Amino acid sequence: MAQNLENRPIKISIDTKKAFKTKSVRQLKKEKFLFSTMNSFWLVWIFSKTAKLFLLGISPFRCYIKNTIYNHFCAGETLEESTKVVVKLKENGIKTILDYSKEGHGTTAEFQASIDEIKRVIELAANEKSIPYTSIKLTGVANFSLLEKISKSEALSTSDKDEFQKTMNRLDELFQFCLNNDVPIYIDAEESWIQNAIDQIAEHFMEKYNKRKAIVNTTIQFYRWDRLKYLRKLYERALQKNFFLGIKIVRGAYMEKENDRAHKMQYASPISAYKENVDNDFNEAVRFCLKRIEKISICVGTHNEESTLNLINLMHQNGIEKSDNRVYFSQLYGMSDHISYDLAHEGYNVTKYVPYGPIKSSLPYLIRRAMENTSIAGQSSRELQMIKEELKARREQKLLR
């Protein structure tokens, strides 16, 4: 687990007043119902298996999804709708990473449409200081099967090579746009069986665009037992090739899927067998990067209070100011508000990762959030307990009046 946690500069408290001050009683009751549901493995399992069926045609199920899990974890179906969330977070000192929620299969035209939509986010971010970054999921702009072939080092056909070149051209266009507008972008990590290709693409464009600062950033999932070694190797490459690194440090979002696939296909799972190993690698990655802050910018995505305190303490030890724009904390929109609001109140750089987009294209993300809240020990229970405490406090306040 985290080490050297003595003499912490601040204490992160579970402060429901601070975290929920902008929410009505009605909103809190809706969230109570949502997290109560996500406490049930079977209800989440049923949702994950049937969610796509709910969206066939006009259906009351679509409205139900939008008014519950979608509205809690996503900002809206359009960029314009999502700006309301950006403003609300900004009022509380929290910044936003807007993410166009599109992943999976698509046509060339759909891939280009995703690039164009992300450009709209970049244009907004260029004029809005509370949007310091944007992000991209490569499966939203590239063929999944092609990424899988590249990851396995399979021989590519002529059509595959042509498709790959088109993919690289699309990404080059996007990252040049990021550079021109001085808006950094994070490439999200995805499933392990396409991650090698994502790493290769990320490294290529980091080397090209990060000569003066980190514009193209990558994401490393430390629930994989091999990722600490990869981080060190990536740093050595950055030194040799003379480019800056931007790293989003996360534990990971595909654990159930990874373990299920490994079991079915009878290969060793890439996921660490013990949570303690994941925590150690995660915290060591933070330590490694902060000691090399002149070369590496980081965004630490965590809902773990101990990991948050560890980062705060390490910043303090390394003489890094709270407002240093090379270090960001990040939590998902709809989760761990008590961490986000406390960090913002103390003057740290904190962002919410805020997806937006059509409900149908957001389903894979929503399913991961539901599964994550069920599989992570105490995650939904913690959120639920804080909501219950806030509702109780408001009832008592009302009685005292």
Foldseek 3Di string as FASTA:
>chain_A
DFPDLPPFPDAQDLDLCLLCVPPDLVRLVLLLVQLVQLQDPVSLVVCLVCVLVQPDPDHVSVVVCCVHLVVLFFQEAAPVSNVVVQVVCVVLLAAAAEEAQFAADDDQVQLLVNLVRVLVVLVVCLVDVSHQAYEDELRSNAHPVLLLCVLVVHDDDPVSVVRVVSSLVSVVVSLVSLLVSVHAYEHEADDPSNRSSVVVSQLVVQLVRFQPHHRYAYEFALQFPCRLVVLVVSVVVCVVSRGAYEYEQHNDQCVVVQVVVCVVVVHDGRGDPDVVSSVVSSLVSLLVCLVVLVRYAYEYEDLDSVSVSSNSVSCVVSVHDQDPNSYEYEYERNFNSSRQSVSSVVPHHYHYHHYHHDPSSNSVVSSSVSVVSNPPPCRSVVVSVSSVVVSVVVVVVVVVD
